[in-house]
Amino acid sequence: MRLYHGSNQQILEIDLKKSKDHKDFGRGFYMTQDFSRAYCFCTSKGVEQLKLDL
């Protein structure tokens, strides 16, 4: 399964302590199977899209 995460910084390791409590679904590391959704978020922040293969 390929999952995508759009971010404004490079993610080398998931650290939930850096996530915020008041996001849509609470504290977490949000990912999607939809490349275009992650890409749109990522490019709106001016960075390259990051992906993880699981």
PDB file of N, CA and C in Angstrom:
ATOM      1  N   MET A   1       0.852  -1.170   0.000  1.00  0.00           N
ATOM      2  CA  MET A   1       0.000   0.000   0.000  1.00  0.00           C
ATOM      3  C   MET A   1       0.897   1.233   0.000  1.00  0.00           C
ATOM      4  N   ARG A   2       0.543   2.193  -0.808  1.00  0.00           N
ATOM      5  CA  ARG A   2       1.289   3.447  -0.864  1.00  0.00           C
ATOM      6  C   ARG A   2       0.439   4.535  -0.221  1.00  0.00           C
ATOM      7  N   LEU A   3       1.023   5.212   0.767  1.00  0.00           N
ATOM      8  CA  LEU A   3       0.353   6.305   1.461  1.00  0.00           C
ATOM      9  C   LEU A   3       1.149   7.579   1.272  1.00  0.00           C
ATOM     10  N   TYR A   4       0.453   8.712   1.226  1.00  0.00           N
ATOM     11  CA  TYR A   4       1.089  10.008   0.995  1.00  0.00           C
ATOM     12  C   TYR A   4       0.790  10.958   2.150  1.00  0.00           C
ATOM     13  N   HIS A   5       1.761  11.843   2.407  1.00  0.00           N
ATOM     14  CA  HIS A   5       1.619  12.862   3.435  1.00  0.00           C
ATOM     15  C   HIS A   5       2.170  14.168   2.876  1.00  0.00           C
ATOM     16  N   GLY A   6       1.347  15.185   2.777  1.00  0.00           N
ATOM     17  CA  GLY A   6       1.813  16.500   2.330  1.00  0.00           C
ATOM     18  C   GLY A   6       2.274  17.286   3.543  1.00  0.00           C
ATOM     19  N   SER A   7       3.466  17.868   3.484  1.00  0.00           N
ATOM     20  CA  SER A   7       4.009  18.557   4.644  1.00  0.00           C
ATOM     21  C   SER A   7       4.829  19.758   4.204  1.00  0.00           C
ATOM     22  N   ASN A   8       5.007  20.716   5.102  1.00  0.00           N
ATOM     23  CA  ASN A   8       5.856  21.860   4.815  1.00  0.00           C
ATOM     24  C   ASN A   8       7.270  21.668   5.330  1.00  0.00           C
ATOM     25  N   GLN A   9       7.603  20.431   5.698  1.00  0.00           N
ATOM     26  CA  GLN A   9       8.959  20.089   6.138  1.00  0.00           C
ATOM     27  C   GLN A   9       9.239  18.620   5.845  1.00  0.00           C
ATOM     28  N   GLN A  10      10.505  18.262   5.801  1.00  0.00           N
ATOM     29  CA  GLN A  10      10.862  16.871   5.547  1.00  0.00           C
ATOM     30  C   GLN A  10      10.584  16.042   6.800  1.00  0.00           C
ATOM     31  N   ILE A  11       9.949  14.898   6.620  1.00  0.00           N
ATOM     32  CA  ILE A  11       9.611  14.000   7.728  1.00  0.00           C
ATOM     33  C   ILE A  11      10.506  12.773   7.629  1.00  0.00           C
ATOM     34  N   LEU A  12      11.432  12.625   8.561  1.00  0.00           N
ATOM     35  CA  LEU A  12      12.304  11.453   8.580  1.00  0.00           C
ATOM     36  C   LEU A  12      11.785  10.395   9.542  1.00  0.00           C
ATOM     37  N   GLU A  13      11.016  10.843  10.531  1.00  0.00           N
ATOM     38  CA  GLU A  13      10.492   9.940  11.552  1.00  0.00           C
ATOM     39  C   GLU A  13       9.185  10.527  12.080  1.00  0.00           C
ATOM     40  N   ILE A  14       8.182   9.698  12.252  1.00  0.00           N
ATOM     41  CA  ILE A  14       6.905  10.167  12.787  1.00  0.00           C
ATOM     42  C   ILE A  14       7.035  10.354  14.290  1.00  0.00           C
ATOM     43  N   ASP A  15       6.749  11.563  14.758  1.00  0.00           N
ATOM     44  CA  ASP A  15       6.807  11.892  16.182  1.00  0.00           C
ATOM     45  C   ASP A  15       5.477  12.552  16.562  1.00  0.00           C
ATOM     46  N   LEU A  16       4.593  11.794  17.179  1.00  0.00           N
ATOM     47  CA  LEU A  16       3.263  12.309  17.514  1.00  0.00           C
ATOM     48  C   LEU A  16       3.299  13.425  18.541  1.00  0.00           C
ATOM     49  N   LYS A  17       4.406  13.588  19.250  1.00  0.00           N
ATOM     50  CA  LYS A  17       4.526  14.693  20.201  1.00  0.00           C
ATOM     51  C   LYS A  17       4.538  16.037  19.473  1.00  0.00           C
ATOM     52  N   LYS A  18       4.880  16.030  18.183  1.00  0.00           N
ATOM     53  CA  LYS A  18       4.901  17.263  17.400  1.00  0.00           C
ATOM     54  C   LYS A  18       3.549  17.592  16.792  1.00  0.00           C
ATOM     55  N   SER A  19       2.593  16.675  16.888  1.00  0.00           N
ATOM     56  CA  SER A  19       1.267  16.926  16.322  1.00  0.00           C
ATOM     57  C   SER A  19       0.451  17.794  17.275  1.00  0.00           C
ATOM     58  N   LYS A  20      -0.586  18.407  16.740  1.00  0.00           N
ATOM     59  CA  LYS A  20      -1.414  19.322  17.536  1.00  0.00           C
ATOM     60  C   LYS A  20      -2.732  18.658  17.923  1.00  0.00           C
ATOM     61  N   ASP A  21      -3.208  18.965  19.105  1.00  0.00           N
ATOM     62  CA  ASP A  21      -4.433  18.360  19.640  1.00  0.00           C
ATOM     63  C   ASP A  21      -5.692  18.748  18.884  1.00  0.00           C
ATOM     64  N   HIS A  22      -5.738  19.928  18.311  1.00  0.00           N
ATOM     65  CA  HIS A  22      -6.990  20.459  17.778  1.00  0.00           C
ATOM     66  C   HIS A  22      -7.109  20.334  16.266  1.00  0.00           C
ATOM     67  N   LYS A  23      -6.560  19.293  15.680  1.00  0.00           N
ATOM     68  CA  LYS A  23      -6.740  19.023  14.255  1.00  0.00           C
ATOM     69  C   LYS A  23      -8.095  18.354  14.039  1.00  0.00           C
ATOM     70  N   ASP A  24      -8.453  18.100  12.781  1.00  0.00           N
ATOM     71  CA  ASP A  24      -9.780  17.553  12.456  1.00  0.00           C
ATOM     72  C   ASP A  24     -10.129  16.299  13.250  1.00  0.00           C
ATOM     73  N   PHE A  25      -9.187  15.378  13.375  1.00  0.00           N
ATOM     74  CA  PHE A  25      -9.460  14.111  14.059  1.00  0.00           C
ATOM     75  C   PHE A  25      -8.590  13.951  15.301  1.00  0.00           C
ATOM     76  N   GLY A  26      -8.100  15.044  15.860  1.00  0.00           N
ATOM     77  CA  GLY A  26      -7.256  14.996  17.043  1.00  0.00           C
ATOM     78  C   GLY A  26      -5.790  14.815  16.699  1.00  0.00           C
ATOM     79  N   ARG A  27      -4.999  14.523  17.711  1.00  0.00           N
ATOM     80  CA  ARG A  27      -3.563  14.369  17.558  1.00  0.00           C
ATOM     81  C   ARG A  27      -3.277  13.156  16.672  1.00  0.00           C
ATOM     82  N   GLY A  28      -2.383  13.313  15.707  1.00  0.00           N
ATOM     83  CA  GLY A  28      -2.059  12.194  14.830  1.00  0.00           C
ATOM     84  C   GLY A  28      -1.169  12.608  13.675  1.00  0.00           C
ATOM     85  N   PHE A  29      -0.845  11.658  12.845  1.00  0.00           N
ATOM     86  CA  PHE A  29      -0.050  11.858  11.630  1.00  0.00           C
ATOM     87  C   PHE A  29      -0.949  11.461  10.474  1.00  0.00           C
ATOM     88  N   TYR A  30      -1.432  12.438   9.750  1.00  0.00           N
ATOM     89  CA  TYR A  30      -2.441  12.203   8.733  1.00  0.00           C
ATOM     90  C   TYR A  30      -1.817  11.823   7.399  1.00  0.00           C
ATOM     91  N   MET A  31      -2.359  10.770   6.805  1.00  0.00           N
ATOM     92  CA  MET A  31      -1.892  10.289   5.506  1.00  0.00           C
ATOM     93  C   MET A  31      -3.114   9.941   4.668  1.00  0.00           C
ATOM     94  N   THR A  32      -2.895   9.810   3.359  1.00  0.00           N
ATOM     95  CA  THR A  32      -3.985   9.477   2.454  1.00  0.00           C
ATOM     96  C   THR A  32      -3.483   8.563   1.344  1.00  0.00           C
ATOM     97  N   GLN A  33      -4.393   7.796   0.763  1.00  0.00           N
ATOM     98  CA  GLN A  33      -4.062   7.001  -0.417  1.00  0.00           C
ATOM     99  C   GLN A  33      -4.204   7.834  -1.684  1.00  0.00           C
ATOM    100  N   ASP A  34      -4.796   9.007  -1.565  1.00  0.00           N
ATOM    101  CA  ASP A  34      -5.066   9.882  -2.700  1.00  0.00           C
ATOM    102  C   ASP A  34      -3.875  10.818  -2.936  1.00  0.00           C
ATOM    103  N   PHE A  35      -3.092  10.505  -3.966  1.00  0.00           N
ATOM    104  CA  PHE A  35      -1.909  11.291  -4.287  1.00  0.00           C
ATOM    105  C   PHE A  35      -2.263  12.757  -4.519  1.00  0.00           C
ATOM    106  N   SER A  36      -3.323  13.016  -5.273  1.00  0.00           N
ATOM    107  CA  SER A  36      -3.652  14.399  -5.629  1.00  0.00           C
ATOM    108  C   SER A  36      -4.009  15.231  -4.393  1.00  0.00           C
ATOM    109  N   ARG A  37      -4.644  14.628  -3.423  1.00  0.00           N
ATOM    110  CA  ARG A  37      -4.981  15.365  -2.188  1.00  0.00           C
ATOM    111  C   ARG A  37      -3.718  15.761  -1.429  1.00  0.00           C
ATOM    112  N   ALA A  38      -2.794  14.828  -1.255  1.00  0.00           N
ATOM    113  CA  ALA A  38      -1.535  15.127  -0.566  1.00  0.00           C
ATOM    114  C   ALA A  38      -0.701  16.126  -1.370  1.00  0.00           C
ATOM    115  N   TYR A  39      -0.692  15.948  -2.678  1.00  0.00           N
ATOM    116  CA  TYR A  39       0.095  16.827  -3.548  1.00  0.00           C
ATOM    117  C   TYR A  39      -0.413  18.269  -3.474  1.00  0.00           C
ATOM    118  N   CYS A  40      -1.717  18.451  -3.497  1.00  0.00           N
ATOM    119  CA  CYS A  40      -2.291  19.799  -3.414  1.00  0.00           C
ATOM    120  C   CYS A  40      -1.920  20.470  -2.093  1.00  0.00           C
ATOM    121  N   PHE A  41      -2.009  19.740  -0.999  1.00  0.00           N
ATOM    122  CA  PHE A  41      -1.649  20.307   0.294  1.00  0.00           C
ATOM    123  C   PHE A  41      -0.171  20.655   0.324  1.00  0.00           C
ATOM    124  N   CYS A  42       0.635  19.744  -0.169  1.00  0.00           N
ATOM    125  CA  CYS A  42       2.080  19.918  -0.132  1.00  0.00           C
ATOM    126  C   CYS A  42       2.522  21.102  -0.989  1.00  0.00           C
ATOM    127  N   THR A  43       2.029  21.187  -2.204  1.00  0.00           N
ATOM    128  CA  THR A  43       2.458  22.269  -3.086  1.00  0.00           C
ATOM    129  C   THR A  43       1.923  23.618  -2.621  1.00  0.00           C
ATOM    130  N   SER A  44       0.823  23.622  -1.882  1.00  0.00           N
ATOM    131  CA  SER A  44       0.337  24.889  -1.342  1.00  0.00           C
ATOM    132  C   SER A  44       1.282  25.418  -0.268  1.00  0.00           C
ATOM    133  N   LYS A  45       2.111  24.531   0.287  1.00  0.00           N
ATOM    134  CA  LYS A  45       3.096  24.924   1.289  1.00  0.00           C
ATOM    135  C   LYS A  45       4.471  25.164   0.658  1.00  0.00           C
ATOM    136  N   GLY A  46       4.603  24.923  -0.652  1.00  0.00           N
ATOM    137  CA  GLY A  46       5.848  25.203  -1.349  1.00  0.00           C
ATOM    138  C   GLY A  46       6.951  24.182  -1.131  1.00  0.00           C
ATOM    139  N   VAL A  47       6.593  22.919  -0.965  1.00  0.00           N
ATOM    140  CA  VAL A  47       7.594  21.867  -0.778  1.00  0.00           C
ATOM    141  C   VAL A  47       7.288  20.697  -1.690  1.00  0.00           C
ATOM    142  N   GLU A  48       8.230  19.799  -1.818  1.00  0.00           N
ATOM    143  CA  GLU A  48       8.030  18.588  -2.606  1.00  0.00           C
ATOM    144  C   GLU A  48       7.170  17.601  -1.810  1.00  0.00           C
ATOM    145  N   GLN A  49       6.418  16.784  -2.525  1.00  0.00           N
ATOM    146  CA  GLN A  49       5.547  15.789  -1.905  1.00  0.00           C
ATOM    147  C   GLN A  49       6.389  14.636  -1.360  1.00  0.00           C
ATOM    148  N   LEU A  50       6.063  14.176  -0.171  1.00  0.00           N
ATOM    149  CA  LEU A  50       6.762  13.071   0.459  1.00  0.00           C
ATOM    150  C   LEU A  50       5.860  11.837   0.433  1.00  0.00           C
ATOM    151  N   LYS A  51       6.427  10.650   0.242  1.00  0.00           N
ATOM    152  CA  LYS A  51       5.606   9.459   0.238  1.00  0.00           C
ATOM    153  C   LYS A  51       6.273   8.352   1.046  1.00  0.00           C
ATOM    154  N   LEU A  52       5.454   7.470   1.555  1.00  0.00           N
ATOM    155  CA  LEU A  52       5.904   6.289   2.276  1.00  0.00           C
ATOM    156  C   LEU A  52       5.279   5.071   1.631  1.00  0.00           C
ATOM    157  N   ASP A  53       6.060   4.047   1.351  1.00  0.00           N
ATOM    158  CA  ASP A  53       5.533   2.788   0.853  1.00  0.00           C
ATOM    159  C   ASP A  53       5.416   1.830   2.022  1.00  0.00           C
ATOM    160  N   LEU A  54       4.215   1.345   2.273  1.00  0.00           N
ATOM    161  CA  LEU A  54       3.977   0.398   3.364  1.00  0.00           C
ATOM    162  C   LEU A  54       3.424  -0.879   2.805  1.00  0.00           C
TER     163      LEU A  54
END
